[in-house]
Amino acid sequence: IGTTGEVFYDRTGGTPLRLSDGVTPGGIPFGISSSSSSFNPDFKAAGGPLTGAVAVGSYVKQGLVVHFSVNIDFANCTEFQATSNTQYQFTLPFPVPNNVSVTIRGGTLHQNTGNTYYHINGIADPSLNANNTLMKLYYFGGTQDLPLRAPVPVNAISNTSTLDISGAYITSSLAV
């Protein structure tokens, strides 16, 4: 039933957003449909491909709001592009509006050998690049000191690494 004014949605996107009136079980639908799907983020480095890295994504879209999750596994990666100008990036499932910059602070690079974790930001800014589905990844701290020599921690990624990032943003697309 929930508290009056509480918003409900399911993670699968199978039902519309609902608003609790404090009485009706499950709340009252208020016309914003939800959809969910998986997507294939194009994950690469600015310097070239990351051969063998596997990126999978999923999202729930409610109106113009997109909740997304991207997971990257480096187990079979044979090319890390680990140079001082490396810029890891991936594509979002829907475009960011031209006048909006999106920052996601919910990312983690897991270096599973040695249990080291690096905090990763994602920034999508159409004013900085022509592709308004492109999210660039940046390192902003971790459980082990690293010189901040590159947008992604240089030499911190190996075949035992995984990266995950999730967040929400407003899209310019009405597509479902």
C-alpha atoms as a PDB file:
ATOM      1  CA  ILE A   1       0.000   0.000   0.000  1.00  0.00           C
ATOM      2  CA  GLY A   2       2.812   2.428   0.867  1.00  0.00           C
ATOM      3  CA  THR A   3       2.857   5.970   2.140  1.00  0.00           C
ATOM      4  CA  THR A   4       0.749   8.602   0.419  1.00  0.00           C
ATOM      5  CA  GLY A   5       2.782  10.103  -2.425  1.00  0.00           C
ATOM      6  CA  GLU A   6       5.234   7.197  -2.690  1.00  0.00           C
ATOM      7  CA  VAL A   7       6.040   6.157  -6.267  1.00  0.00           C
ATOM      8  CA  PHE A   8       6.191   2.456  -7.212  1.00  0.00           C
ATOM      9  CA  TYR A   9       7.761   0.823 -10.220  1.00  0.00           C
ATOM     10  CA  ASP A  10       9.014  -2.661 -10.886  1.00  0.00           C
ATOM     11  CA  ARG A  11      12.536  -3.443 -11.998  1.00  0.00           C
ATOM     12  CA  THR A  12      11.311  -5.398 -14.995  1.00  0.00           C
ATOM     13  CA  GLY A  13       9.374  -2.454 -16.418  1.00  0.00           C
ATOM     14  CA  GLY A  14       6.283  -4.615 -16.848  1.00  0.00           C
ATOM     15  CA  THR A  15       3.872  -2.194 -15.192  1.00  0.00           C
ATOM     16  CA  PRO A  16       3.413   1.577 -15.385  1.00  0.00           C
ATOM     17  CA  LEU A  17       4.563   3.923 -12.646  1.00  0.00           C
ATOM     18  CA  ARG A  18       2.098   3.977  -9.784  1.00  0.00           C
ATOM     19  CA  LEU A  19       1.448   6.500  -7.033  1.00  0.00           C
ATOM     20  CA  SER A  20       0.357   5.427  -3.564  1.00  0.00           C
ATOM     21  CA  ASP A  21      -2.760   7.001  -2.143  1.00  0.00           C
ATOM     22  CA  GLY A  22      -2.146   5.226   1.181  1.00  0.00           C
ATOM     23  CA  VAL A  23      -5.144   2.939   0.571  1.00  0.00           C
ATOM     24  CA  THR A  24      -4.943   1.134  -2.797  1.00  0.00           C
ATOM     25  CA  PRO A  25      -2.600  -1.916  -2.809  1.00  0.00           C
ATOM     26  CA  GLY A  26       0.098  -1.396  -5.447  1.00  0.00           C
ATOM     27  CA  GLY A  27      -0.836   2.249  -5.933  1.00  0.00           C
ATOM     28  CA  ILE A  28      -2.692   4.018  -8.725  1.00  0.00           C
ATOM     29  CA  PRO A  29      -1.173   3.994 -12.240  1.00  0.00           C
ATOM     30  CA  PHE A  30      -0.603   7.534 -13.481  1.00  0.00           C
ATOM     31  CA  GLY A  31       0.005   7.063 -17.177  1.00  0.00           C
ATOM     32  CA  ILE A  32       3.782   6.796 -17.511  1.00  0.00           C
ATOM     33  CA  SER A  33       4.527   3.466 -19.121  1.00  0.00           C
ATOM     34  CA  SER A  34       7.593   1.434 -18.260  1.00  0.00           C
ATOM     35  CA  SER A  35       9.675  -0.819 -20.448  1.00  0.00           C
ATOM     36  CA  SER A  36      12.810  -2.812 -19.806  1.00  0.00           C
ATOM     37  CA  SER A  37      15.337  -4.463 -22.034  1.00  0.00           C
ATOM     38  CA  SER A  38      18.927  -5.491 -22.394  1.00  0.00           C
ATOM     39  CA  PHE A  39      21.241  -3.592 -24.723  1.00  0.00           C
ATOM     40  CA  ASN A  40      24.741  -4.005 -26.106  1.00  0.00           C
ATOM     41  CA  PRO A  41      26.848  -1.024 -25.061  1.00  0.00           C
ATOM     42  CA  ASP A  42      29.658  -0.289 -27.513  1.00  0.00           C
ATOM     43  CA  PHE A  43      32.564  -0.403 -25.043  1.00  0.00           C
ATOM     44  CA  LYS A  44      35.967   0.750 -26.315  1.00  0.00           C
ATOM     45  CA  ALA A  45      38.931   2.985 -25.637  1.00  0.00           C
ATOM     46  CA  ALA A  46      39.477   6.267 -27.428  1.00  0.00           C
ATOM     47  CA  GLY A  47      42.699   4.767 -28.803  1.00  0.00           C
ATOM     48  CA  GLY A  48      41.006   1.719 -30.290  1.00  0.00           C
ATOM     49  CA  PRO A  49      39.158  -1.494 -29.534  1.00  0.00           C
ATOM     50  CA  LEU A  50      39.325  -3.487 -26.310  1.00  0.00           C
ATOM     51  CA  THR A  51      39.442  -6.855 -28.034  1.00  0.00           C
ATOM     52  CA  GLY A  52      37.771  -9.582 -25.973  1.00  0.00           C
ATOM     53  CA  ALA A  53      36.176  -7.316 -23.346  1.00  0.00           C
ATOM     54  CA  VAL A  54      32.507  -8.240 -22.957  1.00  0.00           C
ATOM     55  CA  ALA A  55      30.013  -5.477 -22.142  1.00  0.00           C
ATOM     56  CA  VAL A  56      26.369  -6.150 -21.314  1.00  0.00           C
ATOM     57  CA  GLY A  57      23.721  -3.662 -20.317  1.00  0.00           C
ATOM     58  CA  SER A  58      20.138  -3.443 -19.174  1.00  0.00           C
ATOM     59  CA  TYR A  59      17.704  -0.607 -18.614  1.00  0.00           C
ATOM     60  CA  VAL A  60      14.261   0.328 -17.384  1.00  0.00           C
ATOM     61  CA  LYS A  61      12.747   3.332 -19.190  1.00  0.00           C
ATOM     62  CA  GLN A  62       9.876   5.270 -17.680  1.00  0.00           C
ATOM     63  CA  GLY A  63       8.790   8.139 -19.857  1.00  0.00           C
ATOM     64  CA  LEU A  64      11.966  10.171 -20.425  1.00  0.00           C
ATOM     65  CA  VAL A  65      13.822   8.671 -17.429  1.00  0.00           C
ATOM     66  CA  VAL A  66      16.274   5.838 -18.128  1.00  0.00           C
ATOM     67  CA  HIS A  67      17.697   3.669 -15.320  1.00  0.00           C
ATOM     68  CA  PHE A  68      20.664   1.725 -16.723  1.00  0.00           C
ATOM     69  CA  SER A  69      23.287  -0.784 -15.649  1.00  0.00           C
ATOM     70  CA  VAL A  70      26.429  -1.773 -17.585  1.00  0.00           C
ATOM     71  CA  ASN A  71      28.798  -4.606 -16.648  1.00  0.00           C
ATOM     72  CA  ILE A  72      32.134  -5.216 -18.359  1.00  0.00           C
ATOM     73  CA  ASP A  73      34.195  -8.385 -18.012  1.00  0.00           C
ATOM     74  CA  PHE A  74      37.863  -8.271 -19.018  1.00  0.00           C
ATOM     75  CA  ALA A  75      38.482 -12.050 -18.584  1.00  0.00           C
ATOM     76  CA  ASN A  76      39.117 -12.600 -22.313  1.00  0.00           C
ATOM     77  CA  CYS A  77      40.478  -9.146 -23.131  1.00  0.00           C
ATOM     78  CA  THR A  78      43.672  -9.194 -25.175  1.00  0.00           C
ATOM     79  CA  GLU A  79      44.109  -5.441 -25.746  1.00  0.00           C
ATOM     80  CA  PHE A  80      43.662  -2.962 -22.882  1.00  0.00           C
ATOM     81  CA  GLN A  81      44.866   0.218 -24.651  1.00  0.00           C
ATOM     82  CA  ALA A  82      46.690   1.044 -21.384  1.00  0.00           C
ATOM     83  CA  THR A  83      48.478   4.228 -22.329  1.00  0.00           C
ATOM     84  CA  SER A  84      48.563   7.623 -20.683  1.00  0.00           C
ATOM     85  CA  ASN A  85      45.808   8.899 -22.990  1.00  0.00           C
ATOM     86  CA  THR A  86      43.409   5.980 -22.577  1.00  0.00           C
ATOM     87  CA  GLN A  87      39.761   7.015 -22.424  1.00  0.00           C
ATOM     88  CA  TYR A  88      37.373   4.133 -21.826  1.00  0.00           C
ATOM     89  CA  GLN A  89      33.835   4.819 -22.966  1.00  0.00           C
ATOM     90  CA  PHE A  90      30.558   3.120 -23.812  1.00  0.00           C
ATOM     91  CA  THR A  91      27.268   3.978 -25.462  1.00  0.00           C
ATOM     92  CA  LEU A  92      24.069   4.566 -23.496  1.00  0.00           C
ATOM     93  CA  PRO A  93      20.805   2.954 -24.629  1.00  0.00           C
ATOM     94  CA  PHE A  94      19.144   6.328 -25.420  1.00  0.00           C
ATOM     95  CA  PRO A  95      20.567   9.760 -26.329  1.00  0.00           C
ATOM     96  CA  VAL A  96      21.207  12.539 -23.831  1.00  0.00           C
ATOM     97  CA  PRO A  97      19.513  15.866 -24.748  1.00  0.00           C
ATOM     98  CA  ASN A  98      21.839  18.289 -26.552  1.00  0.00           C
ATOM     99  CA  ASN A  99      21.725  20.872 -23.753  1.00  0.00           C
ATOM    100  CA  VAL A 100      22.300  18.430 -20.865  1.00  0.00           C
ATOM    101  CA  SER A 101      25.445  17.007 -19.282  1.00  0.00           C
ATOM    102  CA  VAL A 102      24.988  13.761 -17.338  1.00  0.00           C
ATOM    103  CA  THR A 103      27.364  12.619 -14.582  1.00  0.00           C
ATOM    104  CA  ILE A 104      27.047   9.149 -13.074  1.00  0.00           C
ATOM    105  CA  ARG A 105      29.029   8.493  -9.917  1.00  0.00           C
ATOM    106  CA  GLY A 106      27.984   4.888  -9.367  1.00  0.00           C
ATOM    107  CA  GLY A 107      30.805   2.945 -11.001  1.00  0.00           C
ATOM    108  CA  THR A 108      33.399   0.523  -9.681  1.00  0.00           C
ATOM    109  CA  LEU A 109      36.383  -1.105 -11.329  1.00  0.00           C
ATOM    110  CA  HIS A 110      37.113  -4.342  -9.471  1.00  0.00           C
ATOM    111  CA  GLN A 111      40.695  -5.600  -9.665  1.00  0.00           C
ATOM    112  CA  ASN A 112      39.877  -9.022  -8.306  1.00  0.00           C
ATOM    113  CA  THR A 113      43.517  -9.994  -7.829  1.00  0.00           C
ATOM    114  CA  GLY A 114      44.409  -8.295  -4.575  1.00  0.00           C
ATOM    115  CA  ASN A 115      40.875  -7.054  -3.868  1.00  0.00           C
ATOM    116  CA  THR A 116      41.473  -3.509  -5.104  1.00  0.00           C
ATOM    117  CA  TYR A 117      38.563  -1.284  -6.102  1.00  0.00           C
ATOM    118  CA  TYR A 118      38.583   1.946  -8.079  1.00  0.00           C
ATOM    119  CA  HIS A 119      35.697   4.413  -8.104  1.00  0.00           C
ATOM    120  CA  ILE A 120      34.621   5.317 -11.624  1.00  0.00           C
ATOM    121  CA  ASN A 121      32.562   8.272 -12.868  1.00  0.00           C
ATOM    122  CA  GLY A 122      30.761   8.395 -16.184  1.00  0.00           C
ATOM    123  CA  ILE A 123      30.170  11.667 -18.013  1.00  0.00           C
ATOM    124  CA  ALA A 124      28.019  12.165 -21.103  1.00  0.00           C
ATOM    125  CA  ASP A 125      28.234  15.705 -22.423  1.00  0.00           C
ATOM    126  CA  PRO A 126      26.920  16.336 -25.953  1.00  0.00           C
ATOM    127  CA  SER A 127      28.584  19.771 -25.961  1.00  0.00           C
ATOM    128  CA  LEU A 128      32.010  18.051 -25.783  1.00  0.00           C
ATOM    129  CA  ASN A 129      31.457  15.404 -28.444  1.00  0.00           C
ATOM    130  CA  ALA A 130      29.054  14.917 -31.311  1.00  0.00           C
ATOM    131  CA  ASN A 131      27.805  11.519 -30.112  1.00  0.00           C
ATOM    132  CA  ASN A 132      25.097  12.181 -27.543  1.00  0.00           C
ATOM    133  CA  THR A 133      24.938   8.523 -26.454  1.00  0.00           C
ATOM    134  CA  LEU A 134      28.642   8.404 -25.499  1.00  0.00           C
ATOM    135  CA  MET A 135      29.559   8.090 -21.810  1.00  0.00           C
ATOM    136  CA  LYS A 136      33.262   8.533 -21.001  1.00  0.00           C
ATOM    137  CA  LEU A 137      34.690   6.880 -17.895  1.00  0.00           C
ATOM    138  CA  TYR A 138      36.963   8.591 -15.352  1.00  0.00           C
ATOM    139  CA  TYR A 139      38.860   7.349 -12.303  1.00  0.00           C
ATOM    140  CA  PHE A 140      38.337   9.362  -9.113  1.00  0.00           C
ATOM    141  CA  GLY A 141      39.835   7.337  -6.280  1.00  0.00           C
ATOM    142  CA  GLY A 142      40.184   3.836  -4.958  1.00  0.00           C
ATOM    143  CA  THR A 143      41.322   1.515  -2.232  1.00  0.00           C
ATOM    144  CA  GLN A 144      44.896   1.722  -3.508  1.00  0.00           C
ATOM    145  CA  ASP A 145      46.831   4.849  -4.471  1.00  0.00           C
ATOM    146  CA  LEU A 146      47.469   5.313  -8.165  1.00  0.00           C
ATOM    147  CA  PRO A 147      48.965   8.269  -9.957  1.00  0.00           C
ATOM    148  CA  LEU A 148      46.161   9.947 -11.842  1.00  0.00           C
ATOM    149  CA  ARG A 149      47.925   9.646 -15.194  1.00  0.00           C
ATOM    150  CA  ALA A 150      44.943   8.851 -17.313  1.00  0.00           C
ATOM    151  CA  PRO A 151      41.163   8.985 -17.424  1.00  0.00           C
ATOM    152  CA  VAL A 152      41.203   5.273 -16.438  1.00  0.00           C
ATOM    153  CA  PRO A 153      43.755   3.902 -13.946  1.00  0.00           C
ATOM    154  CA  VAL A 154      46.697   2.817 -16.092  1.00  0.00           C
ATOM    155  CA  ASN A 155      47.730  -0.801 -15.532  1.00  0.00           C
ATOM    156  CA  ALA A 156      44.874  -1.295 -13.056  1.00  0.00           C
ATOM    157  CA  ILE A 157      42.919  -3.436 -15.487  1.00  0.00           C
ATOM    158  CA  SER A 158      43.800  -7.041 -16.207  1.00  0.00           C
ATOM    159  CA  ASN A 159      42.075 -10.302 -17.100  1.00  0.00           C
ATOM    160  CA  THR A 160      40.841 -10.543 -13.497  1.00  0.00           C
ATOM    161  CA  SER A 161      39.041  -7.174 -13.674  1.00  0.00           C
ATOM    162  CA  THR A 162      35.378  -6.311 -13.980  1.00  0.00           C
ATOM    163  CA  LEU A 163      33.739  -2.915 -14.212  1.00  0.00           C
ATOM    164  CA  ASP A 164      30.174  -1.986 -13.368  1.00  0.00           C
ATOM    165  CA  ILE A 165      28.358   1.310 -13.518  1.00  0.00           C
ATOM    166  CA  SER A 166      24.696   2.173 -13.101  1.00  0.00           C
ATOM    167  CA  GLY A 167      22.587   5.273 -12.801  1.00  0.00           C
ATOM    168  CA  ALA A 168      19.674   7.225 -14.194  1.00  0.00           C
ATOM    169  CA  TYR A 169      19.401  10.086 -16.659  1.00  0.00           C
ATOM    170  CA  ILE A 170      16.868  12.025 -18.708  1.00  0.00           C
ATOM    171  CA  THR A 171      16.786  11.189 -22.415  1.00  0.00           C
ATOM    172  CA  SER A 172      15.580  13.167 -25.387  1.00  0.00           C
ATOM    173  CA  SER A 173      14.001  10.055 -26.909  1.00  0.00           C
ATOM    174  CA  LEU A 174      10.349   9.094 -26.576  1.00  0.00           C
ATOM    175  CA  ALA A 175      11.156   5.693 -28.098  1.00  0.00           C
ATOM    176  CA  VAL A 176      10.628   2.691 -25.837  1.00  0.00           C
END
